[in-house]
């Protein structure tokens, strides 16, 4: 059964102690703050918005793209109405001004943490974490930021299943950018799965639905592959085998807490 869709002002609970994200309390009752999906748990009731821009908060982990390089800062597009400011002092090693373009240039993508957001929405970024780095391979898929919790799944269930079933490396930024890397067919399959998650985020049993989708797509891939051998009247012709030997991709096992 699909999850319940709510609109702002809908009554969610009469126990104010259960108020979670996307709600407000009035007269000891909990109401929906957004148009979204009711999210019921044992001790909390919340609302997952159906749409909305990414608004940065301190400690968020995001994927940024360099849009401007200054003598002391990289200005980053973080898929938000607000750009991110990555000061050279927040790089793990000392960088001279003349090296700025060599280290990170316009168009480069990188995993960063939001260090601070002030009242004027000045967003400061940092790279001082061993898990964060420049993205040199793979590709980035963008989904609506409000759908990120569904990509991760409860306790990381969805993202763990996606990694296992597609043999891909995955990193999910809280700003809705998702880095994926692997063999070409696997990356294409994972990209399709992410689009399906985004489109069906309101459906219940989503992890099982995506698992079955991946299995079906794998079967179609196998059926679509040409036969390795075919026979003519006089000789047997062998179709050259594709070379699938590739570098083993580095796994990034960072699972974001959707409650952040």
Protein backbone atom coordinates (compact mmCIF):
# COMPACT_ATOMS: atom_id res chain seq x y z
CA UNK A 1 0.00 0.00 0.00
CA UNK A 2 1.26 3.52 -0.87
CA UNK A 3 2.26 5.84 1.90
CA UNK A 4 -0.09 8.64 2.89
CA UNK A 5 0.31 12.00 1.13
CA UNK A 6 -0.22 15.00 3.41
CA UNK A 7 -0.46 18.75 2.88
CA UNK A 8 0.49 21.66 5.16
CA UNK A 9 -1.83 21.81 8.15
CA UNK A 10 -2.87 18.14 8.13
CA UNK A 11 -3.15 16.65 11.63
CA UNK A 12 -0.55 13.92 12.09
CA UNK A 13 -0.65 13.10 15.80
CA UNK A 14 -2.04 14.30 19.12
CA UNK A 15 1.20 13.41 20.93
CA UNK A 16 3.45 16.46 20.64
CA UNK A 17 6.47 14.48 21.90
CA UNK A 18 6.57 12.58 18.60
CA UNK A 19 7.14 15.67 16.43
CA UNK A 20 9.79 15.02 13.79
CA UNK A 21 11.18 16.64 10.65
CA UNK A 22 8.67 18.46 8.45
CA UNK A 23 6.14 19.07 11.23
CA UNK A 24 5.08 21.78 13.65
CA UNK A 25 3.29 21.65 17.01
CA UNK A 26 0.22 23.68 17.89
CA UNK A 27 -1.96 23.15 20.97
CA UNK A 28 0.03 19.97 21.76
CA UNK A 29 -0.86 18.46 18.40
CA UNK A 30 1.45 17.71 15.45
CA UNK A 31 0.69 19.10 11.99
CA UNK A 32 2.37 18.75 8.62
CA UNK A 33 4.64 21.60 7.58
CA UNK A 34 5.04 20.42 3.97
CA UNK A 35 3.23 18.78 1.13
CA UNK A 36 4.84 15.35 1.28
CA UNK A 37 4.83 11.78 2.52
CA UNK A 38 3.84 10.94 6.08
CA UNK A 39 6.79 9.19 7.76
CA UNK A 40 5.68 7.19 10.78
CA UNK A 41 8.08 5.54 13.21
CA UNK A 42 7.63 4.13 16.70
CA UNK A 43 8.77 7.29 18.47
CA UNK A 44 8.50 9.94 15.75
CA UNK A 45 6.15 11.23 13.09
CA UNK A 46 7.52 13.33 10.27
CA UNK A 47 6.98 14.42 6.69
CA UNK A 48 9.29 13.84 3.72
CA UNK A 49 8.72 16.76 1.30
CA UNK A 50 7.79 15.87 -2.27
CA UNK A 51 9.82 18.74 -3.67
CA UNK A 52 12.13 21.50 -2.59
CA UNK A 53 15.58 22.99 -3.08
CA UNK A 54 18.59 21.88 -1.05
CA UNK A 55 19.18 24.27 1.86
CA UNK A 56 22.64 23.67 3.34
CA UNK A 57 23.19 22.97 7.03
CA UNK A 58 26.38 22.57 9.04
CA UNK A 59 27.90 19.07 8.82
CA UNK A 60 26.05 18.13 5.61
CA UNK A 61 28.20 16.13 3.20
CA UNK A 62 27.78 17.34 -0.38
CA UNK A 63 29.21 16.99 -3.86
CA UNK A 64 30.31 20.38 -5.16
CA UNK A 65 31.44 21.57 -8.59
CA UNK A 66 33.98 24.37 -8.96
CA UNK A 67 32.53 27.38 -10.79
CA UNK A 68 35.06 30.12 -9.93
CA UNK A 69 38.70 30.08 -8.76
CA UNK A 70 40.00 33.13 -6.84
CA UNK A 71 43.45 33.68 -5.30
CA UNK A 72 42.26 32.22 -1.98
CA UNK A 73 38.89 30.49 -2.57
CA UNK A 74 37.13 28.02 -4.78
CA UNK A 75 33.50 29.01 -5.32
CA UNK A 76 31.40 25.84 -5.50
CA UNK A 77 28.03 25.04 -7.03
CA UNK A 78 26.43 22.82 -4.40
CA UNK A 79 23.04 22.33 -6.15
CA UNK A 80 21.50 24.97 -3.91
CA UNK A 81 20.25 28.53 -4.23
CA UNK A 82 23.42 29.38 -2.29
CA UNK A 83 26.97 28.85 -3.54
CA UNK A 84 29.61 27.31 -1.27
CA UNK A 85 32.87 28.99 -0.30
CA UNK A 86 35.85 26.63 -0.07
CA UNK A 87 38.77 28.56 1.37
CA UNK A 88 42.30 27.38 0.58
CA UNK A 89 43.00 26.99 4.32
CA UNK A 90 40.39 24.19 4.43
CA UNK A 91 42.41 22.07 1.98
CA UNK A 92 44.31 19.22 3.74
CA UNK A 93 47.72 20.62 2.75
CA UNK A 94 49.20 24.06 2.20
CA UNK A 95 48.35 25.49 -1.22
CA UNK A 96 49.96 28.55 -2.79
CA UNK A 97 47.79 30.94 -4.82
CA UNK A 98 49.56 30.00 -8.05
CA UNK A 99 48.61 26.34 -7.45
CA UNK A 100 44.88 26.92 -7.07
CA UNK A 101 43.97 26.07 -10.67
CA UNK A 102 46.27 23.03 -10.63
CA UNK A 103 44.66 21.55 -7.52
CA UNK A 104 41.03 22.28 -8.42
CA UNK A 105 39.88 23.96 -11.61
CA UNK A 106 36.51 25.07 -12.97
CA UNK A 107 34.34 22.02 -13.67
CA UNK A 108 36.08 19.73 -11.16
CA UNK A 109 33.83 17.80 -8.75
CA UNK A 110 34.69 17.09 -5.13
CA UNK A 111 33.14 15.62 -1.98
CA UNK A 112 33.09 18.16 0.85
CA UNK A 113 31.51 18.88 4.20
CA UNK A 114 29.54 22.02 5.06
CA UNK A 115 31.59 23.61 7.81
CA UNK A 116 29.25 26.45 8.71
CA UNK A 117 26.23 28.41 7.48
CA UNK A 118 25.67 31.88 8.93
CA UNK A 119 22.47 33.96 9.15
CA UNK A 120 23.15 35.53 5.76
CA UNK A 121 23.46 32.02 4.21
CA UNK A 122 27.19 32.28 3.63
CA UNK A 123 28.11 28.61 3.20
CA UNK A 124 31.64 27.60 4.23
CA UNK A 125 33.01 24.24 3.03
CA UNK A 126 35.88 22.04 4.20
CA UNK A 127 37.86 19.08 2.92
CA UNK A 128 39.46 18.15 6.24
CA UNK A 129 38.27 14.54 6.31
CA UNK A 130 40.09 11.49 4.94
CA UNK A 131 36.88 10.24 3.27
CA UNK A 132 36.53 13.34 1.07
CA UNK A 133 38.37 13.86 -2.20
CA UNK A 134 38.25 15.05 -5.79
CA UNK A 135 36.19 12.82 -8.09
CA UNK A 136 38.40 11.76 -10.99
CA UNK A 137 36.34 8.89 -12.45
CA UNK A 138 32.70 7.85 -12.68
CA UNK A 139 29.72 10.10 -13.20
CA UNK A 140 27.28 12.19 -11.18
CA UNK A 141 23.53 11.62 -11.16
CA UNK A 142 21.31 14.32 -9.69
CA UNK A 143 18.05 13.59 -7.90
CA UNK A 144 15.74 15.86 -5.95
CA UNK A 145 17.40 16.52 -2.56
CA UNK A 146 14.22 15.57 -0.71
CA UNK A 147 14.45 12.07 -2.25
CA UNK A 148 17.94 11.42 -0.79
CA UNK A 149 16.58 9.55 2.29
CA UNK A 150 14.82 7.12 -0.07
CA UNK A 151 18.05 6.49 -1.99
CA UNK A 152 19.80 5.68 1.28
CA UNK A 153 16.94 3.66 2.77
CA UNK A 154 16.21 2.81 6.38
CA UNK A 155 19.51 2.05 8.07
CA UNK A 156 21.25 2.23 4.68
CA UNK A 157 19.25 -0.71 3.31
CA UNK A 158 18.64 0.73 -0.16
CA UNK A 159 22.17 1.93 -0.85
CA UNK A 160 23.68 -1.33 0.42
CA UNK A 161 21.43 -3.31 -1.92
CA UNK A 162 22.29 -1.03 -4.86
CA UNK A 163 26.03 -1.50 -4.30
CA UNK A 164 25.70 -5.27 -4.09
CA UNK A 165 23.39 -5.77 -7.06
CA UNK A 166 25.17 -3.38 -9.46
CA UNK A 167 28.81 -3.91 -8.37
CA UNK A 168 29.24 -0.13 -8.38
CA UNK A 169 30.79 2.38 -6.01
CA UNK A 170 28.25 4.93 -4.78
CA UNK A 171 28.44 8.11 -2.75
CA UNK A 172 25.25 10.01 -1.93
CA UNK A 173 25.54 13.73 -1.24
CA UNK A 174 22.87 15.33 0.89
CA UNK A 175 22.44 17.95 -1.84
CA UNK A 176 20.99 15.33 -4.21
CA UNK A 177 24.16 14.64 -6.19
CA UNK A 178 25.12 10.98 -6.35
CA UNK A 179 28.52 9.79 -7.59
CA UNK A 180 28.56 6.35 -9.19
CA UNK A 181 31.45 4.40 -10.68
CA UNK A 182 31.85 0.94 -12.21
CA UNK A 183 31.67 -0.91 -15.51
CA UNK A 184 29.68 0.80 -18.22
CA UNK A 185 26.71 -1.60 -18.16
CA UNK A 186 26.59 -1.56 -14.35
CA UNK A 187 26.66 2.24 -14.19
CA UNK A 188 23.86 2.45 -16.77
CA UNK A 189 21.76 0.02 -14.75
CA UNK A 190 22.39 1.88 -11.49
CA UNK A 191 21.47 5.19 -13.12
CA UNK A 192 18.13 3.70 -14.22
CA UNK A 193 17.51 2.42 -10.70
CA UNK A 194 18.19 5.85 -9.19
CA UNK A 195 15.72 7.45 -11.59
CA UNK A 196 13.12 4.86 -10.63
CA UNK A 197 13.71 5.53 -6.91
CA UNK A 198 13.25 9.25 -7.52
CA UNK A 199 10.04 8.70 -9.51
CA UNK A 200 8.53 6.22 -7.04
CA UNK A 201 9.79 7.67 -3.75
CA UNK A 202 6.25 7.80 -2.39
CA UNK A 203 5.69 4.05 -2.84
CA UNK A 204 5.97 1.64 0.07
CA UNK A 205 8.21 -1.43 -0.16
CA UNK A 206 10.53 0.52 -2.42
CA UNK A 207 13.70 -1.46 -1.66
CA UNK A 208 12.02 -4.72 -2.73
CA UNK A 209 10.61 -3.04 -5.84
CA UNK A 210 14.04 -1.77 -6.89
CA UNK A 211 15.64 -5.15 -6.15
CA UNK A 212 13.15 -6.87 -8.46
CA UNK A 213 13.68 -4.15 -11.09
CA UNK A 214 17.44 -4.77 -11.05
CA UNK A 215 16.94 -8.53 -11.39
CA UNK A 216 14.60 -8.04 -14.34
CA UNK A 217 16.99 -5.63 -16.05
CA UNK A 218 19.89 -8.06 -15.56
CA UNK A 219 17.84 -10.77 -17.26
CA UNK A 220 17.13 -8.47 -20.19
CA UNK A 221 20.82 -7.65 -20.51
CA UNK A 222 21.71 -11.34 -20.70
CA UNK A 223 19.01 -12.03 -23.28
CA UNK A 224 20.18 -9.10 -25.41
CA UNK A 225 23.79 -10.28 -25.60
CA UNK A 226 24.70 -11.94 -28.94
CA UNK A 227 25.66 -15.61 -29.00
CA UNK A 228 29.38 -16.21 -28.62
CA UNK A 229 29.44 -18.75 -31.45
CA UNK A 230 27.48 -19.35 -34.63
CA UNK A 231 27.86 -22.00 -37.29
CA UNK A 232 27.89 -21.74 -41.06
CA UNK A 233 27.87 -24.60 -43.50
CA UNK A 234 31.63 -25.11 -43.50
CA UNK A 235 33.21 -23.39 -40.54
CA UNK A 236 32.64 -22.12 -37.08
CA UNK A 237 33.16 -18.41 -36.49
CA UNK A 238 33.96 -17.13 -33.01
CA UNK A 239 32.80 -13.67 -32.00
CA UNK A 240 35.70 -11.92 -30.22
CA UNK A 241 35.24 -11.84 -26.49
CA UNK A 242 34.94 -8.38 -24.97
CA UNK A 243 37.75 -7.36 -22.66
CA UNK A 244 36.23 -6.60 -19.29
CA UNK A 245 39.51 -6.33 -17.40
CA UNK A 246 39.32 -3.02 -15.56
CA UNK A 247 40.82 -1.35 -12.54
CA UNK A 248 39.14 -2.42 -9.32
CA UNK A 249 37.15 0.57 -8.19
CA UNK A 250 37.74 1.97 -4.74
CA UNK A 251 34.74 1.47 -2.50
CA UNK A 252 33.39 4.36 -0.49
CA UNK A 253 31.23 3.04 2.33
CA UNK A 254 30.06 6.34 3.78
CA UNK A 255 26.34 6.07 4.60
CA UNK A 256 24.66 9.37 5.38
CA UNK A 257 22.17 9.63 8.17
CA UNK A 258 18.94 10.79 6.52
CA UNK A 259 17.93 12.46 9.79
CA UNK A 260 20.78 14.98 9.52
